[in-house]
């Protein structure tokens, strides 16, 4: 039986459970799904949307690695337990690419319209991660060369799209960053094996068409 993905909330997407939920989610990603993760920098304890990193102009507050750096991402359960045992509120950051999924992200405002359009086209999607400003569709790993050829073949690519590939990162649920909660918009079913994700070509083709139809094609300001 193929895995069916939907909007139903599963154990990995409960809200307000605090530190233990973050460690449990990080262990699922790392140990069960073999996705390399690491703790993100915490939001500034003074509150607001500021980041805990030294950059006062940080555009992804709390939603990026800092100490340790991205290269420390691991699937080792012992390391995951140690990290979140010491930093229980740290966001869970996925190191995209390699053996882990990559992602295609678009602004939150048109994302719901785009997903509805993809549903009408019969496009099968994998998990979709939602934050306050962007939604990210997880896709199979791709190389920069593969992505370059894909985009070069297109007459037009909306400037609002972003790509999280090899050497990139993405905050996963149930993290809380300086911009708010990170949640599943399309959640993997509870207890599933490593979730199925589509090819990047299929997602880019469908999202470009959906964004063009909805008129959301200009770069963000």
Protein backbone atom coordinates (compact mmCIF):
# COMPACT_ATOMS: atom_id res chain seq x y z
CA UNK A 1 0.00 0.00 0.00
CA UNK A 2 1.39 3.38 -0.93
CA UNK A 3 1.70 6.05 1.70
CA UNK A 4 -1.13 8.57 1.62
CA UNK A 5 -0.25 12.07 2.72
CA UNK A 6 -2.86 14.46 3.96
CA UNK A 7 -3.62 17.35 6.24
CA UNK A 8 -4.22 15.16 9.27
CA UNK A 9 -2.01 16.04 12.20
CA UNK A 10 0.14 13.19 13.45
CA UNK A 11 2.36 12.76 16.52
CA UNK A 12 5.16 14.77 14.92
CA UNK A 13 2.99 17.83 14.55
CA UNK A 14 1.35 18.38 17.94
CA UNK A 15 1.56 21.89 19.23
CA UNK A 16 2.80 23.26 22.51
CA UNK A 17 4.58 20.15 23.79
CA UNK A 18 7.95 21.84 24.27
CA UNK A 19 11.37 20.25 24.49
CA UNK A 20 10.51 16.52 24.68
CA UNK A 21 8.59 16.78 21.41
CA UNK A 22 11.59 18.35 19.70
CA UNK A 23 13.92 15.57 20.79
CA UNK A 24 11.39 12.91 19.78
CA UNK A 25 10.95 14.51 16.36
CA UNK A 26 14.72 14.88 15.87
CA UNK A 27 15.22 11.20 16.75
CA UNK A 28 12.53 10.16 14.26
CA UNK A 29 14.14 12.17 11.49
CA UNK A 30 17.66 10.98 12.27
CA UNK A 31 17.22 7.37 13.40
CA UNK A 32 14.10 6.23 11.55
CA UNK A 33 14.21 8.30 8.38
CA UNK A 34 18.01 8.73 8.17
CA UNK A 35 17.74 12.48 7.64
CA UNK A 36 20.78 14.32 9.05
CA UNK A 37 19.75 16.97 11.57
CA UNK A 38 21.33 19.38 14.02
CA UNK A 39 20.05 22.00 16.47
CA UNK A 40 19.37 25.48 15.17
CA UNK A 41 20.34 28.68 16.88
CA UNK A 42 17.68 29.72 19.37
CA UNK A 43 15.60 32.83 18.98
CA UNK A 44 16.80 35.84 20.94
CA UNK A 45 15.73 35.38 24.59
CA UNK A 46 14.70 39.03 24.66
CA UNK A 47 11.79 38.06 22.44
CA UNK A 48 10.44 39.52 19.26
CA UNK A 49 11.60 38.24 15.90
CA UNK A 50 15.31 38.68 16.61
CA UNK A 51 17.77 35.81 16.20
CA UNK A 52 20.16 34.53 18.84
CA UNK A 53 23.06 34.67 16.37
CA UNK A 54 25.44 37.68 16.16
CA UNK A 55 23.87 39.00 12.92
CA UNK A 56 21.44 41.79 13.83
CA UNK A 57 19.94 41.61 10.32
CA UNK A 58 19.38 37.83 10.29
CA UNK A 59 16.56 37.04 7.88
CA UNK A 60 15.81 33.55 9.25
CA UNK A 61 15.87 34.15 13.04
CA UNK A 62 16.30 30.92 14.94
CA UNK A 63 15.83 28.84 11.78
CA UNK A 64 19.46 28.17 10.86
CA UNK A 65 22.52 26.37 12.24
CA UNK A 66 25.16 28.36 14.09
CA UNK A 67 27.01 26.33 16.72
CA UNK A 68 27.54 23.61 15.62
CA UNK A 69 27.76 24.41 11.93
CA UNK A 70 25.84 22.66 9.17
CA UNK A 71 28.58 20.08 8.55
CA UNK A 72 27.88 18.62 12.00
CA UNK A 73 24.43 17.35 10.92
CA UNK A 74 24.09 13.68 11.81
CA UNK A 75 21.82 10.64 11.95
CA UNK A 76 23.50 9.40 15.14
CA UNK A 77 20.83 8.99 17.83
CA UNK A 78 23.37 9.42 20.64
CA UNK A 79 24.43 12.81 19.29
CA UNK A 80 20.81 13.87 18.82
CA UNK A 81 20.00 12.95 22.44
CA UNK A 82 23.03 14.85 23.68
CA UNK A 83 22.21 17.97 21.67
CA UNK A 84 18.56 18.21 22.65
CA UNK A 85 19.28 17.04 26.19
CA UNK A 86 21.39 20.18 26.55
CA UNK A 87 19.32 22.45 24.30
CA UNK A 88 15.74 21.18 24.61
CA UNK A 89 14.14 24.19 22.91
CA UNK A 90 16.49 24.25 19.90
CA UNK A 91 14.80 24.16 16.47
CA UNK A 92 15.37 20.98 14.46
CA UNK A 93 17.34 21.79 11.31
CA UNK A 94 17.52 19.39 8.35
CA UNK A 95 20.68 19.40 6.24
CA UNK A 96 19.17 19.10 2.76
CA UNK A 97 20.71 17.08 -0.05
CA UNK A 98 22.95 14.03 -0.03
CA UNK A 99 20.77 11.21 1.25
CA UNK A 100 18.15 13.60 2.65
CA UNK A 101 15.34 15.36 0.82
CA UNK A 102 15.82 18.72 -0.81
CA UNK A 103 13.05 21.31 -0.98
CA UNK A 104 11.36 23.85 -3.22
CA UNK A 105 9.88 26.76 -1.27
CA UNK A 106 7.50 29.57 -2.13
CA UNK A 107 5.91 32.44 -0.20
CA UNK A 108 3.24 31.47 2.29
CA UNK A 109 0.57 33.77 0.88
CA UNK A 110 0.26 32.08 -2.54
CA UNK A 111 1.36 28.65 -1.34
CA UNK A 112 -2.14 27.45 -0.45
CA UNK A 113 -3.40 28.49 -3.88
CA UNK A 114 -0.47 26.74 -5.54
CA UNK A 115 -1.07 23.51 -3.60
CA UNK A 116 -4.76 23.59 -4.47
CA UNK A 117 -3.79 24.00 -8.12
CA UNK A 118 -1.40 21.04 -7.86
CA UNK A 119 -4.16 18.95 -6.30
CA UNK A 120 -6.48 19.80 -9.18
CA UNK A 121 -3.78 18.73 -11.62
CA UNK A 122 -3.55 15.39 -9.82
CA UNK A 123 0.03 16.06 -8.71
CA UNK A 124 1.09 13.74 -5.89
CA UNK A 125 2.98 15.65 -3.23
CA UNK A 126 5.08 14.46 -0.33
CA UNK A 127 5.40 16.31 2.98
CA UNK A 128 5.02 20.09 2.95
CA UNK A 129 6.61 22.18 5.72
CA UNK A 130 4.91 25.48 6.59
CA UNK A 131 6.34 28.48 8.43
CA UNK A 132 5.05 32.00 8.82
CA UNK A 133 6.70 33.30 5.66
CA UNK A 134 7.25 30.29 3.38
CA UNK A 135 5.99 26.80 2.61
CA UNK A 136 8.50 24.17 1.49
CA UNK A 137 7.68 21.11 -0.64
CA UNK A 138 10.12 18.28 0.05
CA UNK A 139 11.56 16.62 -3.06
CA UNK A 140 14.10 13.93 -3.90
CA UNK A 141 17.77 14.94 -3.66
CA UNK A 142 19.10 16.74 -6.73
CA UNK A 143 22.46 18.12 -7.82
CA UNK A 144 23.21 21.73 -8.73
CA UNK A 145 23.86 20.58 -12.28
CA UNK A 146 20.47 18.89 -12.46
CA UNK A 147 18.73 21.98 -11.09
CA UNK A 148 20.65 24.27 -13.44
CA UNK A 149 19.62 22.25 -16.49
CA UNK A 150 16.02 22.18 -15.30
CA UNK A 151 15.82 25.96 -14.83
CA UNK A 152 17.77 26.73 -18.02
CA UNK A 153 15.21 24.79 -20.05
CA UNK A 154 12.40 27.06 -18.83
CA UNK A 155 11.44 30.31 -20.49
CA UNK A 156 10.56 31.84 -17.13
CA UNK A 157 11.02 30.94 -13.47
CA UNK A 158 9.22 32.99 -10.80
CA UNK A 159 11.65 34.93 -8.64
CA UNK A 160 9.61 33.98 -5.57
CA UNK A 161 10.85 30.37 -5.73
CA UNK A 162 13.78 29.20 -3.60
CA UNK A 163 15.66 25.94 -3.73
CA UNK A 164 17.15 24.10 -0.75
CA UNK A 165 19.65 21.63 -2.17
CA UNK A 166 23.05 20.19 -1.28
CA UNK A 167 24.62 22.38 1.40
CA UNK A 168 21.28 23.92 2.32
CA UNK A 169 19.04 23.59 5.36
CA UNK A 170 15.43 23.75 6.45
CA UNK A 171 13.75 24.00 9.87
CA UNK A 172 11.40 21.07 10.51
CA UNK A 173 8.33 20.71 12.75
CA UNK A 174 7.69 21.14 15.62
CA UNK A 175 10.37 23.82 15.80
CA UNK A 176 9.59 27.33 16.99
CA UNK A 177 11.75 30.06 15.46
CA UNK A 178 11.90 33.81 15.74
CA UNK A 179 9.15 33.97 13.12
CA UNK A 180 6.87 31.51 14.92
CA UNK A 181 5.87 27.86 14.68
CA UNK A 182 7.06 25.48 11.97
CA UNK A 183 4.38 22.89 11.18
CA UNK A 184 3.36 20.25 8.68
CA UNK A 185 0.90 21.49 6.09
CA UNK A 186 1.00 18.01 4.51
CA UNK A 187 2.16 15.63 7.22
CA UNK A 188 3.73 12.18 6.86
CA UNK A 189 1.47 9.55 8.35
CA UNK A 190 2.39 8.53 11.92
CA UNK A 191 4.68 5.53 12.04
CA UNK A 192 5.52 5.65 8.33
CA UNK A 193 8.92 4.75 6.99
CA UNK A 194 11.02 7.48 5.45
CA UNK A 195 8.38 9.53 3.61
CA UNK A 196 7.99 9.36 -0.13
CA UNK A 197 8.90 12.59 -1.94
CA UNK A 198 8.49 13.51 -5.63
CA UNK A 199 11.15 14.38 -8.19
CA UNK A 200 12.16 18.02 -8.33
CA UNK A 201 11.28 18.25 -12.03
CA UNK A 202 7.64 17.42 -11.44
CA UNK A 203 7.33 19.88 -8.56
CA UNK A 204 9.07 22.77 -10.33
CA UNK A 205 7.00 22.31 -13.49
CA UNK A 206 3.75 22.23 -11.51
CA UNK A 207 4.64 25.06 -9.10
CA UNK A 208 5.83 27.37 -11.89
CA UNK A 209 2.56 26.79 -13.72
CA UNK A 210 0.54 27.31 -10.54
CA UNK A 211 2.38 30.52 -9.58
CA UNK A 212 2.05 31.87 -13.09
CA UNK A 213 -1.69 31.17 -13.12
CA UNK A 214 -2.17 32.82 -9.72
CA UNK A 215 -0.07 35.81 -10.76
CA UNK A 216 2.59 35.36 -8.07
CA UNK A 217 5.74 35.47 -10.17
CA UNK A 218 7.73 38.50 -9.04
CA UNK A 219 10.61 38.29 -6.54
CA UNK A 220 9.79 39.04 -2.92
CA UNK A 221 10.61 42.49 -1.59
